[in-house]
Amino acid sequence: MDSPAEKLQRLRRSIYFVPFLGLVPALVTLLRSPSGELGKRSRLSLILGITWLVSCLLTSGISPETSETLRFRLLYGQGLVTTLYILLSSYYLWRASQGKSLPSIVNNHTKKP
């Protein structure tokens, strides 16, 4: 069985990947201590969240003069982006709860001397 300290650490690693809600603790962690494992996890969470937010904002600017076909395509694309964000966040949440490492795109972010 895991000790309470290990469970707390696993929760701290996982909380950043809760879809939509995990952005707040990720931002707080990144502002307080941007280095280390938790900093990498919070950066990944913020990259996913900001990418989702920007793509939704870009596709939400539908004017009333837009044709029905284009409006449908934009809404469909927005739904796909939101679904992808939720699936990726859930996948990283599962990996973090299992104690597995992050993708290499985030691990290679820091430069070595």
PDB file of N, CA and C in Angstrom:
ATOM      1  N   MET A   1       0.830  -1.195   0.000  1.00  0.00           N
ATOM      2  CA  MET A   1       0.000   0.000   0.000  1.00  0.00           C
ATOM      3  C   MET A   1       0.869   1.251   0.000  1.00  0.00           C
ATOM      4  N   ASP A   2       0.344   2.272  -0.595  1.00  0.00           N
ATOM      5  CA  ASP A   2       1.060   3.536  -0.627  1.00  0.00           C
ATOM      6  C   ASP A   2       0.895   4.268   0.697  1.00  0.00           C
ATOM      7  N   SER A   3       1.938   4.969   1.063  1.00  0.00           N
ATOM      8  CA  SER A   3       1.852   5.787   2.267  1.00  0.00           C
ATOM      9  C   SER A   3       1.061   7.049   1.940  1.00  0.00           C
ATOM     10  N   PRO A   4       0.565   7.755   2.961  1.00  0.00           N
ATOM     11  CA  PRO A   4      -0.169   8.998   2.694  1.00  0.00           C
ATOM     12  C   PRO A   4       0.678  10.039   1.957  1.00  0.00           C
ATOM     13  N   ALA A   5       1.977  10.069   2.219  1.00  0.00           N
ATOM     14  CA  ALA A   5       2.838  11.032   1.527  1.00  0.00           C
ATOM     15  C   ALA A   5       2.935  10.708   0.037  1.00  0.00           C
ATOM     16  N   GLU A   6       2.994   9.416  -0.309  1.00  0.00           N
ATOM     17  CA  GLU A   6       3.048   9.023  -1.719  1.00  0.00           C
ATOM     18  C   GLU A   6       1.728   9.331  -2.423  1.00  0.00           C
ATOM     19  N   LYS A   7       0.629   9.118  -1.724  1.00  0.00           N
ATOM     20  CA  LYS A   7      -0.677   9.438  -2.312  1.00  0.00           C
ATOM     21  C   LYS A   7      -0.810  10.934  -2.556  1.00  0.00           C
ATOM     22  N   LEU A   8      -0.328  11.739  -1.605  1.00  0.00           N
ATOM     23  CA  LEU A   8      -0.387  13.186  -1.770  1.00  0.00           C
ATOM     24  C   LEU A   8       0.483  13.639  -2.938  1.00  0.00           C
ATOM     25  N   GLN A   9       1.660  13.052  -3.061  1.00  0.00           N
ATOM     26  CA  GLN A   9       2.548  13.402  -4.173  1.00  0.00           C
ATOM     27  C   GLN A   9       1.926  13.010  -5.510  1.00  0.00           C
ATOM     28  N   ARG A  10       1.288  11.862  -5.578  1.00  0.00           N
ATOM     29  CA  ARG A  10       0.626  11.428  -6.808  1.00  0.00           C
ATOM     30  C   ARG A  10      -0.533  12.368  -7.148  1.00  0.00           C
ATOM     31  N   LEU A  11      -1.254  12.828  -6.129  1.00  0.00           N
ATOM     32  CA  LEU A  11      -2.340  13.780  -6.354  1.00  0.00           C
ATOM     33  C   LEU A  11      -1.792  15.102  -6.867  1.00  0.00           C
ATOM     34  N   ARG A  12      -0.683  15.550  -6.293  1.00  0.00           N
ATOM     35  CA  ARG A  12      -0.077  16.808  -6.742  1.00  0.00           C
ATOM     36  C   ARG A  12       0.399  16.712  -8.187  1.00  0.00           C
ATOM     37  N   ARG A  13       0.893  15.538  -8.597  1.00  0.00           N
ATOM     38  CA  ARG A  13       1.325  15.358  -9.986  1.00  0.00           C
ATOM     39  C   ARG A  13       0.137  15.303 -10.937  1.00  0.00           C
ATOM     40  N   SER A  14      -1.017  14.850 -10.453  1.00  0.00           N
ATOM     41  CA  SER A  14      -2.179  14.620 -11.311  1.00  0.00           C
ATOM     42  C   SER A  14      -3.099  15.818 -11.441  1.00  0.00           C
ATOM     43  N   ILE A  15      -3.148  16.667 -10.444  1.00  0.00           N
ATOM     44  CA  ILE A  15      -4.170  17.719 -10.384  1.00  0.00           C
ATOM     45  C   ILE A  15      -4.103  18.683 -11.567  1.00  0.00           C
ATOM     46  N   TYR A  16      -2.925  18.845 -12.158  1.00  0.00           N
ATOM     47  CA  TYR A  16      -2.774  19.801 -13.262  1.00  0.00           C
ATOM     48  C   TYR A  16      -3.490  19.362 -14.530  1.00  0.00           C
ATOM     49  N   PHE A  17      -3.778  18.082 -14.653  1.00  0.00           N
ATOM     50  CA  PHE A  17      -4.355  17.566 -15.885  1.00  0.00           C
ATOM     51  C   PHE A  17      -5.853  17.335 -15.809  1.00  0.00           C
ATOM     52  N   VAL A  18      -6.506  17.819 -14.759  1.00  0.00           N
ATOM     53  CA  VAL A  18      -7.957  17.776 -14.716  1.00  0.00           C
ATOM     54  C   VAL A  18      -8.447  18.778 -15.761  1.00  0.00           C
ATOM     55  N   PRO A  19      -9.247  18.331 -16.734  1.00  0.00           N
ATOM     56  CA  PRO A  19      -9.642  19.251 -17.809  1.00  0.00           C
ATOM     57  C   PRO A  19     -10.318  20.511 -17.281  1.00  0.00           C
ATOM     58  N   PHE A  20      -9.903  21.634 -17.797  1.00  0.00           N
ATOM     59  CA  PHE A  20     -10.410  22.970 -17.517  1.00  0.00           C
ATOM     60  C   PHE A  20     -10.029  23.459 -16.120  1.00  0.00           C
ATOM     61  N   LEU A  21     -10.248  22.693 -15.072  1.00  0.00           N
ATOM     62  CA  LEU A  21      -9.995  23.135 -13.701  1.00  0.00           C
ATOM     63  C   LEU A  21      -8.524  23.081 -13.330  1.00  0.00           C
ATOM     64  N   GLY A  22      -7.757  22.229 -13.971  1.00  0.00           N
ATOM     65  CA  GLY A  22      -6.347  22.078 -13.641  1.00  0.00           C
ATOM     66  C   GLY A  22      -5.477  23.235 -14.094  1.00  0.00           C
ATOM     67  N   LEU A  23      -6.032  24.139 -14.885  1.00  0.00           N
ATOM     68  CA  LEU A  23      -5.246  25.273 -15.356  1.00  0.00           C
ATOM     69  C   LEU A  23      -4.898  26.234 -14.225  1.00  0.00           C
ATOM     70  N   VAL A  24      -5.784  26.378 -13.253  1.00  0.00           N
ATOM     71  CA  VAL A  24      -5.541  27.309 -12.146  1.00  0.00           C
ATOM     72  C   VAL A  24      -4.378  26.836 -11.274  1.00  0.00           C
ATOM     73  N   PRO A  25      -4.377  25.579 -10.762  1.00  0.00           N
ATOM     74  CA  PRO A  25      -3.211  25.167  -9.984  1.00  0.00           C
ATOM     75  C   PRO A  25      -1.925  25.107 -10.810  1.00  0.00           C
ATOM     76  N   ALA A  26      -2.046  24.833 -12.101  1.00  0.00           N
ATOM     77  CA  ALA A  26      -0.858  24.817 -12.954  1.00  0.00           C
ATOM     78  C   ALA A  26      -0.255  26.209 -13.066  1.00  0.00           C
ATOM     79  N   LEU A  27      -1.090  27.210 -13.217  1.00  0.00           N
ATOM     80  CA  LEU A  27      -0.604  28.585 -13.307  1.00  0.00           C
ATOM     81  C   LEU A  27       0.018  29.029 -11.993  1.00  0.00           C
ATOM     82  N   VAL A  28      -0.612  28.697 -10.875  1.00  0.00           N
ATOM     83  CA  VAL A  28      -0.070  29.059  -9.564  1.00  0.00           C
ATOM     84  C   VAL A  28       1.282  28.392  -9.339  1.00  0.00           C
ATOM     85  N   THR A  29       1.389  27.121  -9.672  1.00  0.00           N
ATOM     86  CA  THR A  29       2.659  26.403  -9.505  1.00  0.00           C
ATOM     87  C   THR A  29       3.736  26.984 -10.400  1.00  0.00           C
ATOM     88  N   LEU A  30       3.382  27.315 -11.614  1.00  0.00           N
ATOM     89  CA  LEU A  30       4.369  27.855 -12.543  1.00  0.00           C
ATOM     90  C   LEU A  30       4.859  29.223 -12.093  1.00  0.00           C
ATOM     91  N   LEU A  31       3.983  30.016 -11.488  1.00  0.00           N
ATOM     92  CA  LEU A  31       4.401  31.332 -10.993  1.00  0.00           C
ATOM     93  C   LEU A  31       5.260  31.215  -9.747  1.00  0.00           C
ATOM     94  N   ARG A  32       5.016  30.219  -8.911  1.00  0.00           N
ATOM     95  CA  ARG A  32       5.776  30.060  -7.665  1.00  0.00           C
ATOM     96  C   ARG A  32       7.117  29.371  -7.883  1.00  0.00           C
ATOM     97  N   SER A  33       7.100  28.231  -8.536  1.00  0.00           N
ATOM     98  CA  SER A  33       8.344  27.477  -8.741  1.00  0.00           C
ATOM     99  C   SER A  33       8.349  26.884 -10.144  1.00  0.00           C
ATOM    100  N   PRO A  34       8.913  27.606 -11.120  1.00  0.00           N
ATOM    101  CA  PRO A  34       8.843  27.147 -12.511  1.00  0.00           C
ATOM    102  C   PRO A  34       9.794  26.011 -12.865  1.00  0.00           C
ATOM    103  N   SER A  35      10.600  25.537 -11.932  1.00  0.00           N
ATOM    104  CA  SER A  35      11.539  24.463 -12.266  1.00  0.00           C
ATOM    105  C   SER A  35      11.107  23.160 -11.602  1.00  0.00           C
ATOM    106  N   GLY A  36      11.734  22.092 -12.008  1.00  0.00           N
ATOM    107  CA  GLY A  36      11.451  20.792 -11.421  1.00  0.00           C
ATOM    108  C   GLY A  36      10.332  20.058 -12.131  1.00  0.00           C
ATOM    109  N   GLU A  37       9.990  18.910 -11.573  1.00  0.00           N
ATOM    110  CA  GLU A  37       8.973  18.046 -12.187  1.00  0.00           C
ATOM    111  C   GLU A  37       7.599  18.706 -12.207  1.00  0.00           C
ATOM    112  N   LEU A  38       7.221  19.348 -11.108  1.00  0.00           N
ATOM    113  CA  LEU A  38       5.902  19.991 -11.076  1.00  0.00           C
ATOM    114  C   LEU A  38       5.832  21.163 -12.048  1.00  0.00           C
ATOM    115  N   GLY A  39       6.955  21.846 -12.254  1.00  0.00           N
ATOM    116  CA  GLY A  39       6.999  22.926 -13.239  1.00  0.00           C
ATOM    117  C   GLY A  39       6.789  22.414 -14.653  1.00  0.00           C
ATOM    118  N   LYS A  40       7.374  21.246 -14.958  1.00  0.00           N
ATOM    119  CA  LYS A  40       7.192  20.647 -16.276  1.00  0.00           C
ATOM    120  C   LYS A  40       5.741  20.241 -16.489  1.00  0.00           C
ATOM    121  N   ARG A  41       5.149  19.655 -15.468  1.00  0.00           N
ATOM    122  CA  ARG A  41       3.754  19.234 -15.579  1.00  0.00           C
ATOM    123  C   ARG A  41       2.830  20.443 -15.721  1.00  0.00           C
ATOM    124  N   SER A  42       3.100  21.497 -14.976  1.00  0.00           N
ATOM    125  CA  SER A  42       2.246  22.676 -15.087  1.00  0.00           C
ATOM    126  C   SER A  42       2.404  23.353 -16.441  1.00  0.00           C
ATOM    127  N   ARG A  43       3.631  23.345 -17.000  1.00  0.00           N
ATOM    128  CA  ARG A  43       3.823  23.908 -18.342  1.00  0.00           C
ATOM    129  C   ARG A  43       3.040  23.137 -19.390  1.00  0.00           C
ATOM    130  N   LEU A  44       3.085  21.805 -19.302  1.00  0.00           N
ATOM    131  CA  LEU A  44       2.335  20.991 -20.255  1.00  0.00           C
ATOM    132  C   LEU A  44       0.835  21.249 -20.147  1.00  0.00           C
ATOM    133  N   SER A  45       0.347  21.349 -18.924  1.00  0.00           N
ATOM    134  CA  SER A  45      -1.074  21.623 -18.721  1.00  0.00           C
ATOM    135  C   SER A  45      -1.462  22.979 -19.302  1.00  0.00           C
ATOM    136  N   LEU A  46      -0.619  23.981 -19.077  1.00  0.00           N
ATOM    137  CA  LEU A  46      -0.920  25.309 -19.619  1.00  0.00           C
ATOM    138  C   LEU A  46      -0.816  25.353 -21.136  1.00  0.00           C
ATOM    139  N   ILE A  47       0.127  24.623 -21.709  1.00  0.00           N
ATOM    140  CA  ILE A  47       0.233  24.570 -23.176  1.00  0.00           C
ATOM    141  C   ILE A  47      -1.043  23.972 -23.759  1.00  0.00           C
ATOM    142  N   LEU A  48      -1.502  22.869 -23.175  1.00  0.00           N
ATOM    143  CA  LEU A  48      -2.747  22.247 -23.661  1.00  0.00           C
ATOM    144  C   LEU A  48      -3.929  23.187 -23.502  1.00  0.00           C
ATOM    145  N   GLY A  49      -4.057  23.790 -22.323  1.00  0.00           N
ATOM    146  CA  GLY A  49      -5.202  24.656 -22.048  1.00  0.00           C
ATOM    147  C   GLY A  49      -5.227  25.916 -22.889  1.00  0.00           C
ATOM    148  N   ILE A  50      -4.082  26.556 -23.048  1.00  0.00           N
ATOM    149  CA  ILE A  50      -4.036  27.785 -23.840  1.00  0.00           C
ATOM    150  C   ILE A  50      -4.256  27.477 -25.318  1.00  0.00           C
ATOM    151  N   THR A  51      -3.722  26.360 -25.797  1.00  0.00           N
ATOM    152  CA  THR A  51      -3.965  25.962 -27.187  1.00  0.00           C
ATOM    153  C   THR A  51      -5.449  25.727 -27.421  1.00  0.00           C
ATOM    154  N   TRP A  52      -6.104  25.045 -26.478  1.00  0.00           N
ATOM    155  CA  TRP A  52      -7.539  24.819 -26.595  1.00  0.00           C
ATOM    156  C   TRP A  52      -8.301  26.147 -26.583  1.00  0.00           C
ATOM    157  N   LEU A  53      -7.947  27.034 -25.648  1.00  0.00           N
ATOM    158  CA  LEU A  53      -8.661  28.305 -25.522  1.00  0.00           C
ATOM    159  C   LEU A  53      -8.501  29.165 -26.772  1.00  0.00           C
ATOM    160  N   VAL A  54      -7.297  29.266 -27.288  1.00  0.00           N
ATOM    161  CA  VAL A  54      -7.061  30.079 -28.483  1.00  0.00           C
ATOM    162  C   VAL A  54      -7.801  29.508 -29.691  1.00  0.00           C
ATOM    163  N   SER A  55      -7.780  28.182 -29.845  1.00  0.00           N
ATOM    164  CA  SER A  55      -8.479  27.597 -30.992  1.00  0.00           C
ATOM    165  C   SER A  55      -9.988  27.789 -30.877  1.00  0.00           C
ATOM    166  N   CYS A  56     -10.521  27.719 -29.664  1.00  0.00           N
ATOM    167  CA  CYS A  56     -11.960  27.963 -29.497  1.00  0.00           C
ATOM    168  C   CYS A  56     -12.309  29.421 -29.749  1.00  0.00           C
ATOM    169  N   LEU A  57     -11.442  30.330 -29.317  1.00  0.00           N
ATOM    170  CA  LEU A  57     -11.703  31.748 -29.566  1.00  0.00           C
ATOM    171  C   LEU A  57     -11.628  32.080 -31.051  1.00  0.00           C
ATOM    172  N   LEU A  58     -10.712  31.441 -31.759  1.00  0.00           N
ATOM    173  CA  LEU A  58     -10.594  31.695 -33.199  1.00  0.00           C
ATOM    174  C   LEU A  58     -11.798  31.175 -33.973  1.00  0.00           C
ATOM    175  N   THR A  59     -12.367  30.071 -33.540  1.00  0.00           N
ATOM    176  CA  THR A  59     -13.511  29.519 -34.267  1.00  0.00           C
ATOM    177  C   THR A  59     -14.844  30.046 -33.768  1.00  0.00           C
ATOM    178  N   SER A  60     -14.849  30.812 -32.687  1.00  0.00           N
ATOM    179  CA  SER A  60     -16.126  31.299 -32.171  1.00  0.00           C
ATOM    180  C   SER A  60     -16.548  32.631 -32.793  1.00  0.00           C
ATOM    181  N   GLY A  61     -15.695  33.253 -33.555  1.00  0.00           N
ATOM    182  CA  GLY A  61     -16.032  34.531 -34.163  1.00  0.00           C
ATOM    183  C   GLY A  61     -16.909  34.381 -35.390  1.00  0.00           C
ATOM    184  N   ILE A  62     -18.058  33.760 -35.222  1.00  0.00           N
ATOM    185  CA  ILE A  62     -18.965  33.514 -36.335  1.00  0.00           C
ATOM    186  C   ILE A  62     -19.904  34.714 -36.473  1.00  0.00           C
ATOM    187  N   SER A  63     -19.882  35.341 -37.620  1.00  0.00           N
ATOM    188  CA  SER A  63     -20.775  36.482 -37.844  1.00  0.00           C
ATOM    189  C   SER A  63     -22.141  35.995 -38.341  1.00  0.00           C
ATOM    190  N   PRO A  64     -23.165  36.823 -38.192  1.00  0.00           N
ATOM    191  CA  PRO A  64     -24.490  36.411 -38.670  1.00  0.00           C
ATOM    192  C   PRO A  64     -24.559  36.207 -40.177  1.00  0.00           C
ATOM    193  N   GLU A  65     -23.650  36.831 -40.927  1.00  0.00           N
ATOM    194  CA  GLU A  65     -23.666  36.690 -42.375  1.00  0.00           C
ATOM    195  C   GLU A  65     -22.973  35.417 -42.861  1.00  0.00           C
ATOM    196  N   THR A  66     -22.377  34.668 -41.975  1.00  0.00           N
ATOM    197  CA  THR A  66     -21.668  33.447 -42.357  1.00  0.00           C
ATOM    198  C   THR A  66     -22.659  32.401 -42.845  1.00  0.00           C
ATOM    199  N   SER A  67     -22.277  31.692 -43.877  1.00  0.00           N
ATOM    200  CA  SER A  67     -23.169  30.671 -44.420  1.00  0.00           C
ATOM    201  C   SER A  67     -23.353  29.539 -43.415  1.00  0.00           C
ATOM    202  N   GLU A  68     -24.426  28.817 -43.565  1.00  0.00           N
ATOM    203  CA  GLU A  68     -24.737  27.706 -42.663  1.00  0.00           C
ATOM    204  C   GLU A  68     -23.678  26.614 -42.743  1.00  0.00           C
ATOM    205  N   THR A  69     -23.155  26.370 -43.925  1.00  0.00           N
ATOM    206  CA  THR A  69     -22.142  25.328 -44.100  1.00  0.00           C
ATOM    207  C   THR A  69     -20.862  25.686 -43.354  1.00  0.00           C
ATOM    208  N   LEU A  70     -20.394  26.927 -43.487  1.00  0.00           N
ATOM    209  CA  LEU A  70     -19.187  27.353 -42.799  1.00  0.00           C
ATOM    210  C   LEU A  70     -19.406  27.378 -41.290  1.00  0.00           C
ATOM    211  N   ARG A  71     -20.563  27.831 -40.872  1.00  0.00           N
ATOM    212  CA  ARG A  71     -20.876  27.868 -39.443  1.00  0.00           C
ATOM    213  C   ARG A  71     -20.857  26.458 -38.852  1.00  0.00           C
ATOM    214  N   PHE A  72     -21.425  25.495 -39.578  1.00  0.00           N
ATOM    215  CA  PHE A  72     -21.419  24.106 -39.119  1.00  0.00           C
ATOM    216  C   PHE A  72     -19.998  23.567 -39.032  1.00  0.00           C
ATOM    217  N   ARG A  73     -19.186  23.863 -40.037  1.00  0.00           N
ATOM    218  CA  ARG A  73     -17.801  23.371 -40.042  1.00  0.00           C
ATOM    219  C   ARG A  73     -16.997  23.949 -38.885  1.00  0.00           C
ATOM    220  N   LEU A  74     -17.193  25.236 -38.606  1.00  0.00           N
ATOM    221  CA  LEU A  74     -16.479  25.849 -37.485  1.00  0.00           C
ATOM    222  C   LEU A  74     -16.914  25.246 -36.150  1.00  0.00           C
ATOM    223  N   LEU A  75     -18.204  25.055 -35.965  1.00  0.00           N
ATOM    224  CA  LEU A  75     -18.688  24.449 -34.727  1.00  0.00           C
ATOM    225  C   LEU A  75     -18.239  22.996 -34.595  1.00  0.00           C
ATOM    226  N   TYR A  76     -18.203  22.278 -35.701  1.00  0.00           N
ATOM    227  CA  TYR A  76     -17.726  20.901 -35.697  1.00  0.00           C
ATOM    228  C   TYR A  76     -16.243  20.850 -35.327  1.00  0.00           C
ATOM    229  N   GLY A  77     -15.463  21.758 -35.905  1.00  0.00           N
ATOM    230  CA  GLY A  77     -14.040  21.831 -35.582  1.00  0.00           C
ATOM    231  C   GLY A  77     -13.805  22.188 -34.126  1.00  0.00           C
ATOM    232  N   GLN A  78     -14.621  23.097 -33.603  1.00  0.00           N
ATOM    233  CA  GLN A  78     -14.514  23.467 -32.195  1.00  0.00           C
ATOM    234  C   GLN A  78     -14.830  22.274 -31.295  1.00  0.00           C
ATOM    235  N   GLY A  79     -15.795  21.487 -31.669  1.00  0.00           N
ATOM    236  CA  GLY A  79     -16.120  20.283 -30.910  1.00  0.00           C
ATOM    237  C   GLY A  79     -15.000  19.265 -30.945  1.00  0.00           C
ATOM    238  N   LEU A  80     -14.355  19.121 -32.103  1.00  0.00           N
ATOM    239  CA  LEU A  80     -13.225  18.206 -32.218  1.00  0.00           C
ATOM    240  C   LEU A  80     -12.043  18.654 -31.358  1.00  0.00           C
ATOM    241  N   VAL A  81     -11.767  19.955 -31.361  1.00  0.00           N
ATOM    242  CA  VAL A  81     -10.659  20.481 -30.566  1.00  0.00           C
ATOM    243  C   VAL A  81     -10.937  20.282 -29.081  1.00  0.00           C
ATOM    244  N   THR A  82     -12.164  20.532 -28.647  1.00  0.00           N
ATOM    245  CA  THR A  82     -12.518  20.343 -27.240  1.00  0.00           C
ATOM    246  C   THR A  82     -12.424  18.874 -26.848  1.00  0.00           C
ATOM    247  N   THR A  83     -12.886  17.993 -27.714  1.00  0.00           N
ATOM    248  CA  THR A  83     -12.787  16.560 -27.442  1.00  0.00           C
ATOM    249  C   THR A  83     -11.333  16.119 -27.348  1.00  0.00           C
ATOM    250  N   LEU A  84     -10.500  16.602 -28.251  1.00  0.00           N
ATOM    251  CA  LEU A  84      -9.083  16.265 -28.218  1.00  0.00           C
ATOM    252  C   LEU A  84      -8.428  16.765 -26.938  1.00  0.00           C
ATOM    253  N   TYR A  85      -8.780  17.974 -26.516  1.00  0.00           N
ATOM    254  CA  TYR A  85      -8.235  18.527 -25.269  1.00  0.00           C
ATOM    255  C   TYR A  85      -8.629  17.658 -24.071  1.00  0.00           C
ATOM    256  N   ILE A  86      -9.873  17.249 -24.005  1.00  0.00           N
ATOM    257  CA  ILE A  86     -10.332  16.429 -22.883  1.00  0.00           C
ATOM    258  C   ILE A  86      -9.661  15.057 -22.910  1.00  0.00           C
ATOM    259  N   LEU A  87      -9.531  14.459 -24.097  1.00  0.00           N
ATOM    260  CA  LEU A  87      -8.874  13.154 -24.190  1.00  0.00           C
ATOM    261  C   LEU A  87      -7.395  13.225 -23.821  1.00  0.00           C
ATOM    262  N   LEU A  88      -6.694  14.245 -24.304  1.00  0.00           N
ATOM    263  CA  LEU A  88      -5.277  14.386 -23.956  1.00  0.00           C
ATOM    264  C   LEU A  88      -5.096  14.656 -22.471  1.00  0.00           C
ATOM    265  N   SER A  89      -5.927  15.506 -21.913  1.00  0.00           N
ATOM    266  CA  SER A  89      -5.842  15.784 -20.479  1.00  0.00           C
ATOM    267  C   SER A  89      -6.120  14.532 -19.664  1.00  0.00           C
ATOM    268  N   SER A  90      -7.108  13.755 -20.082  1.00  0.00           N
ATOM    269  CA  SER A  90      -7.417  12.513 -19.373  1.00  0.00           C
ATOM    270  C   SER A  90      -6.275  11.517 -19.478  1.00  0.00           C
ATOM    271  N   TYR A  91      -5.651  11.446 -20.645  1.00  0.00           N
ATOM    272  CA  TYR A  91      -4.510  10.548 -20.833  1.00  0.00           C
ATOM    273  C   TYR A  91      -3.346  10.953 -19.922  1.00  0.00           C
ATOM    274  N   TYR A  92      -3.023  12.247 -19.884  1.00  0.00           N
ATOM    275  CA  TYR A  92      -1.930  12.702 -19.030  1.00  0.00           C
ATOM    276  C   TYR A  92      -2.298  12.583 -17.555  1.00  0.00           C
ATOM    277  N   LEU A  93      -3.561  12.731 -17.230  1.00  0.00           N
ATOM    278  CA  LEU A  93      -4.018  12.530 -15.851  1.00  0.00           C
ATOM    279  C   LEU A  93      -3.791  11.079 -15.443  1.00  0.00           C
ATOM    280  N   TRP A  94      -4.107  10.160 -16.331  1.00  0.00           N
ATOM    281  CA  TRP A  94      -3.893   8.741 -16.057  1.00  0.00           C
ATOM    282  C   TRP A  94      -2.398   8.435 -15.917  1.00  0.00           C
ATOM    283  N   ARG A  95      -1.576   8.984 -16.823  1.00  0.00           N
ATOM    284  CA  ARG A  95      -0.128   8.748 -16.741  1.00  0.00           C
ATOM    285  C   ARG A  95       0.451   9.308 -15.455  1.00  0.00           C
ATOM    286  N   ALA A  96      -0.013  10.484 -15.054  1.00  0.00           N
ATOM    287  CA  ALA A  96       0.501  11.090 -13.828  1.00  0.00           C
ATOM    288  C   ALA A  96       0.080  10.291 -12.600  1.00  0.00           C
ATOM    289  N   SER A  97      -1.134   9.767 -12.615  1.00  0.00           N
ATOM    290  CA  SER A  97      -1.581   8.986 -11.462  1.00  0.00           C
ATOM    291  C   SER A  97      -0.848   7.649 -11.374  1.00  0.00           C
ATOM    292  N   GLN A  98      -0.328   7.156 -12.492  1.00  0.00           N
ATOM    293  CA  GLN A  98       0.453   5.925 -12.499  1.00  0.00           C
ATOM    294  C   GLN A  98       1.933   6.180 -12.197  1.00  0.00           C
ATOM    295  N   GLY A  99       2.326   7.447 -12.126  1.00  0.00           N
ATOM    296  CA  GLY A  99       3.714   7.791 -11.852  1.00  0.00           C
ATOM    297  C   GLY A  99       4.615   7.705 -13.063  1.00  0.00           C
ATOM    298  N   LYS A 100       4.055   7.746 -14.253  1.00  0.00           N
ATOM    299  CA  LYS A 100       4.851   7.641 -15.482  1.00  0.00           C
ATOM    300  C   LYS A 100       5.374   9.012 -15.884  1.00  0.00           C
ATOM    301  N   SER A 101       6.357   9.007 -16.775  1.00  0.00           N
ATOM    302  CA  SER A 101       7.011  10.246 -17.178  1.00  0.00           C
ATOM    303  C   SER A 101       6.167  11.023 -18.185  1.00  0.00           C
ATOM    304  N   LEU A 102       6.582  12.268 -18.391  1.00  0.00           N
ATOM    305  CA  LEU A 102       5.913  13.146 -19.346  1.00  0.00           C
ATOM    306  C   LEU A 102       6.435  12.898 -20.748  1.00  0.00           C
ATOM    307  N   PRO A 103       5.733  13.401 -21.754  1.00  0.00           N
ATOM    308  CA  PRO A 103       6.236  13.287 -23.128  1.00  0.00           C
ATOM    309  C   PRO A 103       7.555  14.045 -23.278  1.00  0.00           C
ATOM    310  N   SER A 104       8.345  13.645 -24.245  1.00  0.00           N
ATOM    311  CA  SER A 104       9.677  14.227 -24.407  1.00  0.00           C
ATOM    312  C   SER A 104       9.639  15.683 -24.842  1.00  0.00           C
ATOM    313  N   ILE A 105       8.536  16.152 -25.382  1.00  0.00           N
ATOM    314  CA  ILE A 105       8.454  17.555 -25.811  1.00  0.00           C
ATOM    315  C   ILE A 105       8.610  18.494 -24.625  1.00  0.00           C
ATOM    316  N   VAL A 106       8.143  18.077 -23.468  1.00  0.00           N
ATOM    317  CA  VAL A 106       8.267  18.910 -22.278  1.00  0.00           C
ATOM    318  C   VAL A 106       9.588  18.649 -21.576  1.00  0.00           C
ATOM    319  N   ASN A 107      10.068  17.420 -21.571  1.00  0.00           N
ATOM    320  CA  ASN A 107      11.314  17.091 -20.897  1.00  0.00           C
ATOM    321  C   ASN A 107      12.516  17.770 -21.559  1.00  0.00           C
ATOM    322  N   ASN A 108      12.465  18.019 -22.853  1.00  0.00           N
ATOM    323  CA  ASN A 108      13.581  18.642 -23.564  1.00  0.00           C
ATOM    324  C   ASN A 108      13.513  20.168 -23.547  1.00  0.00           C
ATOM    325  N   HIS A 109      12.594  20.728 -22.778  1.00  0.00           N
ATOM    326  CA  HIS A 109      12.399  22.174 -22.780  1.00  0.00           C
ATOM    327  C   HIS A 109      13.574  22.901 -22.134  1.00  0.00           C
ATOM    328  N   THR A 110      14.141  22.334 -21.079  1.00  0.00           N
ATOM    329  CA  THR A 110      15.224  23.009 -20.376  1.00  0.00           C
ATOM    330  C   THR A 110      16.543  22.715 -21.054  1.00  0.00           C
ATOM    331  N   LYS A 111      17.398  23.722 -21.094  1.00  0.00           N
ATOM    332  CA  LYS A 111      18.705  23.574 -21.730  1.00  0.00           C
ATOM    333  C   LYS A 111      19.720  23.083 -20.707  1.00  0.00           C
ATOM    334  N   LYS A 112      20.634  22.225 -21.168  1.00  0.00           N
ATOM    335  CA  LYS A 112      21.706  21.747 -20.305  1.00  0.00           C
ATOM    336  C   LYS A 112      22.969  22.531 -20.633  1.00  0.00           C
ATOM    337  N   PRO A 113      23.765  22.841 -19.604  1.00  0.00           N
ATOM    338  CA  PRO A 113      24.986  23.637 -19.866  1.00  0.00           C
ATOM    339  C   PRO A 113      26.038  22.870 -20.619  1.00  0.00           C
TER     340      PRO A 113
END
